[in-house]
Amino acid sequence: MIGIFGGTFDPVHYGHLRPALEIQQALGLDEVRLVPSLVPPHRPQPHATAQQRLAMLNAAIAGDPAFKVDTREFHREGPSYTLDTLKSLRTELTVAGICLLIGMDAFREFSSWHRWREITDYAHLVVMTRPGMPPPEKGELADFISLHRVTDVATLKSRASGLLLFHAVSQLEISGTQIRKLLASGKRADFLLPDSVLQFIRSEGLYGTGKPHDE
């Protein structure tokens, strides 16, 4: 099985990387593919360019066999819909299990996603949970949970797609917005993201940091 973890990664930080690594280890995934979106459907356009976000991802995971960057959404016009990405992956991975990794925040908005009911036709859904935010108990998402939920990894591995698993991870209260605000105000964002990513941000003058020769 492989994991798929999408986002703007603007910038990538430990709030992305640590939970994804925990899921990779807990589920025994061969790898987690980080899939940067080109045109995110549910949030504003990224501040950094696609090339800059790709460079930050590559810097963050350099030499780590648990992760791989997948740029297929950069080569597709229009909104970066998850369903289209999973369809593309399924044509390549015809029998392998695919696990789409999302946080509970995203899952609670899952019914607003493009053709959301079809997503489990192509992948399992693995929701990374945190204390104080339970799954929906009423409505169409609650019905979706009752239809697809399993509670153990072995059952998830018995099929290539179609199931839903909730799994607790270390929830680090880190956001790209927080990092960008810190850097724009001249404050340090150390220990919120890999040093290699922070060095790239500074070298590019991203998020209002200013390039070294301007300091």
C-alpha atoms as a PDB file:
ATOM      1  CA  MET A   1       0.000   0.000   0.000  1.00  0.00           C
ATOM      2  CA  ILE A   2       1.011   3.581  -0.561  1.00  0.00           C
ATOM      3  CA  GLY A   3      -0.217   6.765   1.072  1.00  0.00           C
ATOM      4  CA  ILE A   4      -1.297   9.907  -0.761  1.00  0.00           C
ATOM      5  CA  PHE A   5      -1.111  13.204   1.091  1.00  0.00           C
ATOM      6  CA  GLY A   6      -2.093  16.318  -0.828  1.00  0.00           C
ATOM      7  CA  GLY A   7      -1.931  19.991  -0.013  1.00  0.00           C
ATOM      8  CA  THR A   8      -0.512  23.338  -1.012  1.00  0.00           C
ATOM      9  CA  PHE A   9       2.595  22.852   1.169  1.00  0.00           C
ATOM     10  CA  ASP A  10       3.067  26.612   1.346  1.00  0.00           C
ATOM     11  CA  PRO A  11       5.428  25.900   3.065  1.00  0.00           C
ATOM     12  CA  VAL A  12       5.725  22.230   4.019  1.00  0.00           C
ATOM     13  CA  HIS A  13       6.239  21.884   7.788  1.00  0.00           C
ATOM     14  CA  TYR A  14       6.356  19.360  10.621  1.00  0.00           C
ATOM     15  CA  GLY A  15       2.572  19.475  10.970  1.00  0.00           C
ATOM     16  CA  HIS A  16       2.497  17.732   7.589  1.00  0.00           C
ATOM     17  CA  LEU A  17       5.513  15.496   7.893  1.00  0.00           C
ATOM     18  CA  ARG A  18       5.244  14.010  11.379  1.00  0.00           C
ATOM     19  CA  PRO A  19       1.611  12.766  11.142  1.00  0.00           C
ATOM     20  CA  ALA A  20       2.285  11.369   7.656  1.00  0.00           C
ATOM     21  CA  LEU A  21       5.338   9.497   8.945  1.00  0.00           C
ATOM     22  CA  GLU A  22       3.328   8.040  11.839  1.00  0.00           C
ATOM     23  CA  ILE A  23       0.676   6.766   9.421  1.00  0.00           C
ATOM     24  CA  GLN A  24       3.366   5.313   7.150  1.00  0.00           C
ATOM     25  CA  GLN A  25       4.808   3.358  10.051  1.00  0.00           C
ATOM     26  CA  ALA A  26       1.511   2.321  11.653  1.00  0.00           C
ATOM     27  CA  LEU A  27       0.022   1.033   8.394  1.00  0.00           C
ATOM     28  CA  GLY A  28       3.272  -0.326   6.993  1.00  0.00           C
ATOM     29  CA  LEU A  29       2.935   1.765   3.851  1.00  0.00           C
ATOM     30  CA  ASP A  30       5.614   1.355   1.225  1.00  0.00           C
ATOM     31  CA  GLU A  31       5.778   5.132   0.917  1.00  0.00           C
ATOM     32  CA  VAL A  32       3.785   8.320   1.336  1.00  0.00           C
ATOM     33  CA  ARG A  33       3.520  10.438  -1.769  1.00  0.00           C
ATOM     34  CA  LEU A  34       3.265  14.150  -1.100  1.00  0.00           C
ATOM     35  CA  VAL A  35       1.128  15.653  -3.862  1.00  0.00           C
ATOM     36  CA  PRO A  36       1.332  19.446  -4.135  1.00  0.00           C
ATOM     37  CA  SER A  37      -1.747  20.986  -5.721  1.00  0.00           C
ATOM     38  CA  LEU A  38      -1.501  23.459  -8.568  1.00  0.00           C
ATOM     39  CA  VAL A  39      -4.989  24.999  -8.287  1.00  0.00           C
ATOM     40  CA  PRO A  40      -6.419  24.105  -4.841  1.00  0.00           C
ATOM     41  CA  PRO A  41     -10.235  24.005  -5.035  1.00  0.00           C
ATOM     42  CA  HIS A  42     -10.931  24.751  -1.355  1.00  0.00           C
ATOM     43  CA  ARG A  43      -8.423  27.443  -0.413  1.00  0.00           C
ATOM     44  CA  PRO A  44      -6.731  30.578  -1.815  1.00  0.00           C
ATOM     45  CA  GLN A  45      -3.928  30.257  -4.299  1.00  0.00           C
ATOM     46  CA  PRO A  46      -0.513  29.580  -2.718  1.00  0.00           C
ATOM     47  CA  HIS A  47       1.889  32.429  -2.034  1.00  0.00           C
ATOM     48  CA  ALA A  48       4.914  30.514  -3.323  1.00  0.00           C
ATOM     49  CA  THR A  49       5.129  29.377  -6.934  1.00  0.00           C
ATOM     50  CA  ALA A  50       4.708  25.738  -7.901  1.00  0.00           C
ATOM     51  CA  GLN A  51       8.447  25.496  -8.509  1.00  0.00           C
ATOM     52  CA  GLN A  52       9.261  26.973  -5.096  1.00  0.00           C
ATOM     53  CA  ARG A  53       6.836  24.650  -3.306  1.00  0.00           C
ATOM     54  CA  LEU A  54       8.309  21.676  -5.136  1.00  0.00           C
ATOM     55  CA  ALA A  55      11.816  22.737  -4.145  1.00  0.00           C
ATOM     56  CA  MET A  56      10.751  23.034  -0.499  1.00  0.00           C
ATOM     57  CA  LEU A  57       9.186  19.566  -0.551  1.00  0.00           C
ATOM     58  CA  ASN A  58      12.296  18.044  -2.096  1.00  0.00           C
ATOM     59  CA  ALA A  59      14.462  19.775   0.490  1.00  0.00           C
ATOM     60  CA  ALA A  60      12.246  18.560   3.337  1.00  0.00           C
ATOM     61  CA  ILE A  61      12.320  14.863   2.421  1.00  0.00           C
ATOM     62  CA  ALA A  62      15.761  14.572   0.831  1.00  0.00           C
ATOM     63  CA  GLY A  63      17.164  11.099   1.496  1.00  0.00           C
ATOM     64  CA  ASP A  64      14.096   9.859   3.417  1.00  0.00           C
ATOM     65  CA  PRO A  65      12.776   6.626   1.872  1.00  0.00           C
ATOM     66  CA  ALA A  66       9.376   7.004   3.560  1.00  0.00           C
ATOM     67  CA  PHE A  67       8.447   9.908   1.302  1.00  0.00           C
ATOM     68  CA  LYS A  68       8.219  10.738  -2.378  1.00  0.00           C
ATOM     69  CA  VAL A  69       7.009  13.862  -4.150  1.00  0.00           C
ATOM     70  CA  ASP A  70       4.391  13.323  -6.870  1.00  0.00           C
ATOM     71  CA  THR A  71       3.920  16.298  -9.202  1.00  0.00           C
ATOM     72  CA  ARG A  72       1.076  15.007 -11.371  1.00  0.00           C
ATOM     73  CA  GLU A  73      -1.250  17.850 -10.364  1.00  0.00           C
ATOM     74  CA  PHE A  74       1.268  20.359 -11.733  1.00  0.00           C
ATOM     75  CA  HIS A  75       0.746  18.875 -15.186  1.00  0.00           C
ATOM     76  CA  ARG A  76      -3.046  19.029 -15.212  1.00  0.00           C
ATOM     77  CA  GLU A  77      -5.089  22.094 -16.107  1.00  0.00           C
ATOM     78  CA  GLY A  78      -8.021  23.275 -14.040  1.00  0.00           C
ATOM     79  CA  PRO A  79      -8.756  22.707 -10.336  1.00  0.00           C
ATOM     80  CA  SER A  80      -6.605  20.049  -8.657  1.00  0.00           C
ATOM     81  CA  TYR A  81      -9.401  17.666  -7.774  1.00  0.00           C
ATOM     82  CA  THR A  82      -8.396  14.713  -5.602  1.00  0.00           C
ATOM     83  CA  LEU A  83     -10.656  12.377  -7.549  1.00  0.00           C
ATOM     84  CA  ASP A  84      -8.772  13.056 -10.777  1.00  0.00           C
ATOM     85  CA  THR A  85      -5.460  12.433  -9.028  1.00  0.00           C
ATOM     86  CA  LEU A  86      -6.647   9.113  -7.622  1.00  0.00           C
ATOM     87  CA  LYS A  87      -7.998   8.021 -10.997  1.00  0.00           C
ATOM     88  CA  SER A  88      -4.608   8.751 -12.533  1.00  0.00           C
ATOM     89  CA  LEU A  89      -2.817   6.824  -9.802  1.00  0.00           C
ATOM     90  CA  ARG A  90      -5.142   3.858 -10.116  1.00  0.00           C
ATOM     91  CA  THR A  91      -4.248   3.444 -13.791  1.00  0.00           C
ATOM     92  CA  GLU A  92      -0.620   2.993 -12.697  1.00  0.00           C
ATOM     93  CA  LEU A  93      -1.222   0.998  -9.513  1.00  0.00           C
ATOM     94  CA  THR A  94      -3.868  -1.405 -10.687  1.00  0.00           C
ATOM     95  CA  VAL A  95      -3.764  -3.813  -7.744  1.00  0.00           C
ATOM     96  CA  ALA A  96      -1.948  -1.908  -4.998  1.00  0.00           C
ATOM     97  CA  GLY A  97      -3.812  -0.442  -2.064  1.00  0.00           C
ATOM     98  CA  ILE A  98      -3.967   3.351  -2.055  1.00  0.00           C
ATOM     99  CA  CYS A  99      -4.651   5.293   1.157  1.00  0.00           C
ATOM    100  CA  LEU A 100      -5.688   8.925   0.929  1.00  0.00           C
ATOM    101  CA  LEU A 101      -4.494  10.662   4.101  1.00  0.00           C
ATOM    102  CA  ILE A 102      -6.489  13.638   5.370  1.00  0.00           C
ATOM    103  CA  GLY A 103      -6.902  15.411   8.686  1.00  0.00           C
ATOM    104  CA  MET A 104     -10.131  15.515  10.650  1.00  0.00           C
ATOM    105  CA  ASP A 105     -10.622  19.186   9.737  1.00  0.00           C
ATOM    106  CA  ALA A 106     -10.627  18.247   6.060  1.00  0.00           C
ATOM    107  CA  PHE A 107     -12.796  15.195   6.645  1.00  0.00           C
ATOM    108  CA  ARG A 108     -15.512  17.249   8.306  1.00  0.00           C
ATOM    109  CA  GLU A 109     -15.736  19.181   5.005  1.00  0.00           C
ATOM    110  CA  PHE A 110     -15.393  16.056   2.884  1.00  0.00           C
ATOM    111  CA  SER A 111     -18.930  16.180   1.512  1.00  0.00           C
ATOM    112  CA  SER A 112     -18.085  19.500  -0.187  1.00  0.00           C
ATOM    113  CA  TRP A 113     -15.308  17.867  -2.239  1.00  0.00           C
ATOM    114  CA  HIS A 114     -15.729  17.301  -5.959  1.00  0.00           C
ATOM    115  CA  ARG A 115     -17.666  14.022  -6.490  1.00  0.00           C
ATOM    116  CA  TRP A 116     -16.660  12.967  -2.996  1.00  0.00           C
ATOM    117  CA  ARG A 117     -18.654   9.753  -2.895  1.00  0.00           C
ATOM    118  CA  GLU A 118     -16.537   8.355  -5.745  1.00  0.00           C
ATOM    119  CA  ILE A 119     -13.215   8.805  -3.975  1.00  0.00           C
ATOM    120  CA  THR A 120     -13.439   5.471  -2.164  1.00  0.00           C
ATOM    121  CA  ASP A 121     -13.868   3.755  -5.532  1.00  0.00           C
ATOM    122  CA  TYR A 122     -10.164   4.405  -6.050  1.00  0.00           C
ATOM    123  CA  ALA A 123      -8.622   4.543  -2.567  1.00  0.00           C
ATOM    124  CA  HIS A 124      -9.089   3.956   1.121  1.00  0.00           C
ATOM    125  CA  LEU A 125      -9.616   7.033   3.266  1.00  0.00           C
ATOM    126  CA  VAL A 126      -7.366   7.323   6.316  1.00  0.00           C
ATOM    127  CA  VAL A 127      -8.408  10.160   8.600  1.00  0.00           C
ATOM    128  CA  MET A 128      -5.733  11.443  10.979  1.00  0.00           C
ATOM    129  CA  THR A 129      -7.546  12.265  14.201  1.00  0.00           C
ATOM    130  CA  ARG A 130      -6.821  14.521  17.135  1.00  0.00           C
ATOM    131  CA  PRO A 131      -8.340  14.918  20.615  1.00  0.00           C
ATOM    132  CA  GLY A 132     -11.388  17.115  20.915  1.00  0.00           C
ATOM    133  CA  MET A 133     -12.564  16.745  17.321  1.00  0.00           C
ATOM    134  CA  PRO A 134     -14.784  13.670  16.938  1.00  0.00           C
ATOM    135  CA  PRO A 135     -16.189  12.460  13.619  1.00  0.00           C
ATOM    136  CA  PRO A 136     -19.633  13.717  12.563  1.00  0.00           C
ATOM    137  CA  GLU A 137     -22.457  11.822  14.258  1.00  0.00           C
ATOM    138  CA  LYS A 138     -25.313  12.999  12.041  1.00  0.00           C
ATOM    139  CA  GLY A 139     -25.937  13.678   8.391  1.00  0.00           C
ATOM    140  CA  GLU A 140     -24.483  12.296   5.182  1.00  0.00           C
ATOM    141  CA  LEU A 141     -20.942  12.019   6.519  1.00  0.00           C
ATOM    142  CA  ALA A 142     -22.149   9.936   9.447  1.00  0.00           C
ATOM    143  CA  ASP A 143     -23.902   7.657   6.959  1.00  0.00           C
ATOM    144  CA  PHE A 144     -20.713   7.477   4.913  1.00  0.00           C
ATOM    145  CA  ILE A 145     -18.754   6.467   8.026  1.00  0.00           C
ATOM    146  CA  SER A 146     -21.165   3.674   8.893  1.00  0.00           C
ATOM    147  CA  LEU A 147     -20.913   2.328   5.360  1.00  0.00           C
ATOM    148  CA  HIS A 148     -17.127   2.342   4.958  1.00  0.00           C
ATOM    149  CA  ARG A 149     -15.496   2.339   8.402  1.00  0.00           C
ATOM    150  CA  VAL A 150     -13.136  -0.377   9.601  1.00  0.00           C
ATOM    151  CA  THR A 151     -11.175  -0.402  12.831  1.00  0.00           C
ATOM    152  CA  ASP A 152      -8.017  -2.377  12.071  1.00  0.00           C
ATOM    153  CA  VAL A 153      -5.150  -2.183   9.616  1.00  0.00           C
ATOM    154  CA  ALA A 154      -5.420  -5.845   8.599  1.00  0.00           C
ATOM    155  CA  THR A 155      -8.897  -5.306   7.175  1.00  0.00           C
ATOM    156  CA  LEU A 156      -7.702  -2.193   5.356  1.00  0.00           C
ATOM    157  CA  LYS A 157      -4.917  -4.205   3.736  1.00  0.00           C
ATOM    158  CA  SER A 158      -7.326  -6.896   2.568  1.00  0.00           C
ATOM    159  CA  ARG A 159      -8.648  -4.598  -0.159  1.00  0.00           C
ATOM    160  CA  ALA A 160      -7.205  -2.034  -2.572  1.00  0.00           C
ATOM    161  CA  SER A 161      -9.835   0.666  -1.903  1.00  0.00           C
ATOM    162  CA  GLY A 162     -13.248   1.401  -0.468  1.00  0.00           C
ATOM    163  CA  LEU A 163     -12.640   1.556   3.300  1.00  0.00           C
ATOM    164  CA  LEU A 164     -12.329   4.255   5.952  1.00  0.00           C
ATOM    165  CA  LEU A 165      -9.983   4.165   8.931  1.00  0.00           C
ATOM    166  CA  PHE A 166      -9.613   6.707  11.733  1.00  0.00           C
ATOM    167  CA  HIS A 167      -6.120   6.762  13.194  1.00  0.00           C
ATOM    168  CA  ALA A 168      -4.757   8.989  15.960  1.00  0.00           C
ATOM    169  CA  VAL A 169      -1.513  10.847  15.266  1.00  0.00           C
ATOM    170  CA  SER A 170       0.585  13.452  17.028  1.00  0.00           C
ATOM    171  CA  GLN A 171      -1.224  16.656  16.245  1.00  0.00           C
ATOM    172  CA  LEU A 172       1.174  19.537  15.946  1.00  0.00           C
ATOM    173  CA  GLU A 173      -0.622  22.879  15.961  1.00  0.00           C
ATOM    174  CA  ILE A 174       1.402  24.278  13.089  1.00  0.00           C
ATOM    175  CA  SER A 175       0.032  25.963   9.995  1.00  0.00           C
ATOM    176  CA  GLY A 176       1.456  27.541   6.888  1.00  0.00           C
ATOM    177  CA  THR A 177      -0.442  30.716   7.733  1.00  0.00           C
ATOM    178  CA  GLN A 178       1.261  30.873  11.127  1.00  0.00           C
ATOM    179  CA  ILE A 179       4.703  30.396   9.568  1.00  0.00           C
ATOM    180  CA  ARG A 180       4.140  32.998   6.880  1.00  0.00           C
ATOM    181  CA  LYS A 181       2.962  35.560   9.458  1.00  0.00           C
ATOM    182  CA  LEU A 182       5.970  34.933  11.679  1.00  0.00           C
ATOM    183  CA  LEU A 183       8.394  35.363   8.823  1.00  0.00           C
ATOM    184  CA  ALA A 184       6.639  38.432   7.444  1.00  0.00           C
ATOM    185  CA  SER A 185       6.864  40.099  10.855  1.00  0.00           C
ATOM    186  CA  GLY A 186      10.575  39.377  11.124  1.00  0.00           C
ATOM    187  CA  LYS A 187      10.199  36.652  13.754  1.00  0.00           C
ATOM    188  CA  ARG A 188      11.816  33.234  13.687  1.00  0.00           C
ATOM    189  CA  ALA A 189       9.985  30.112  12.527  1.00  0.00           C
ATOM    190  CA  ASP A 190      12.727  27.730  13.632  1.00  0.00           C
ATOM    191  CA  PHE A 191      11.602  24.276  14.858  1.00  0.00           C
ATOM    192  CA  LEU A 192       8.269  24.548  13.022  1.00  0.00           C
ATOM    193  CA  LEU A 193       9.681  23.226   9.766  1.00  0.00           C
ATOM    194  CA  PRO A 194      12.887  21.573   8.529  1.00  0.00           C
ATOM    195  CA  ASP A 195      15.982  23.759   8.505  1.00  0.00           C
ATOM    196  CA  SER A 196      16.515  22.946   4.838  1.00  0.00           C
ATOM    197  CA  VAL A 197      13.094  24.411   4.011  1.00  0.00           C
ATOM    198  CA  LEU A 198      13.726  27.505   6.124  1.00  0.00           C
ATOM    199  CA  GLN A 199      17.050  28.050   4.378  1.00  0.00           C
ATOM    200  CA  PHE A 200      15.339  27.864   0.995  1.00  0.00           C
ATOM    201  CA  ILE A 201      12.677  30.347   2.115  1.00  0.00           C
ATOM    202  CA  ARG A 202      15.360  32.796   3.137  1.00  0.00           C
ATOM    203  CA  SER A 203      17.378  32.294  -0.027  1.00  0.00           C
ATOM    204  CA  GLU A 204      14.298  33.008  -2.153  1.00  0.00           C
ATOM    205  CA  GLY A 205      13.050  35.885  -0.022  1.00  0.00           C
ATOM    206  CA  LEU A 206       9.711  34.123   0.411  1.00  0.00           C
ATOM    207  CA  TYR A 207       6.907  35.284   2.697  1.00  0.00           C
ATOM    208  CA  GLY A 208       8.489  38.675   3.271  1.00  0.00           C
ATOM    209  CA  THR A 209      11.749  37.369   4.697  1.00  0.00           C
ATOM    210  CA  GLY A 210      13.943  39.368   2.350  1.00  0.00           C
ATOM    211  CA  LYS A 211      16.952  37.842   0.628  1.00  0.00           C
ATOM    212  CA  PRO A 212      20.236  37.617   2.556  1.00  0.00           C
ATOM    213  CA  HIS A 213      21.817  40.570   0.709  1.00  0.00           C
ATOM    214  CA  ASP A 214      18.858  42.754   1.730  1.00  0.00           C
ATOM    215  CA  GLU A 215      19.316  42.105   5.444  1.00  0.00           C
END
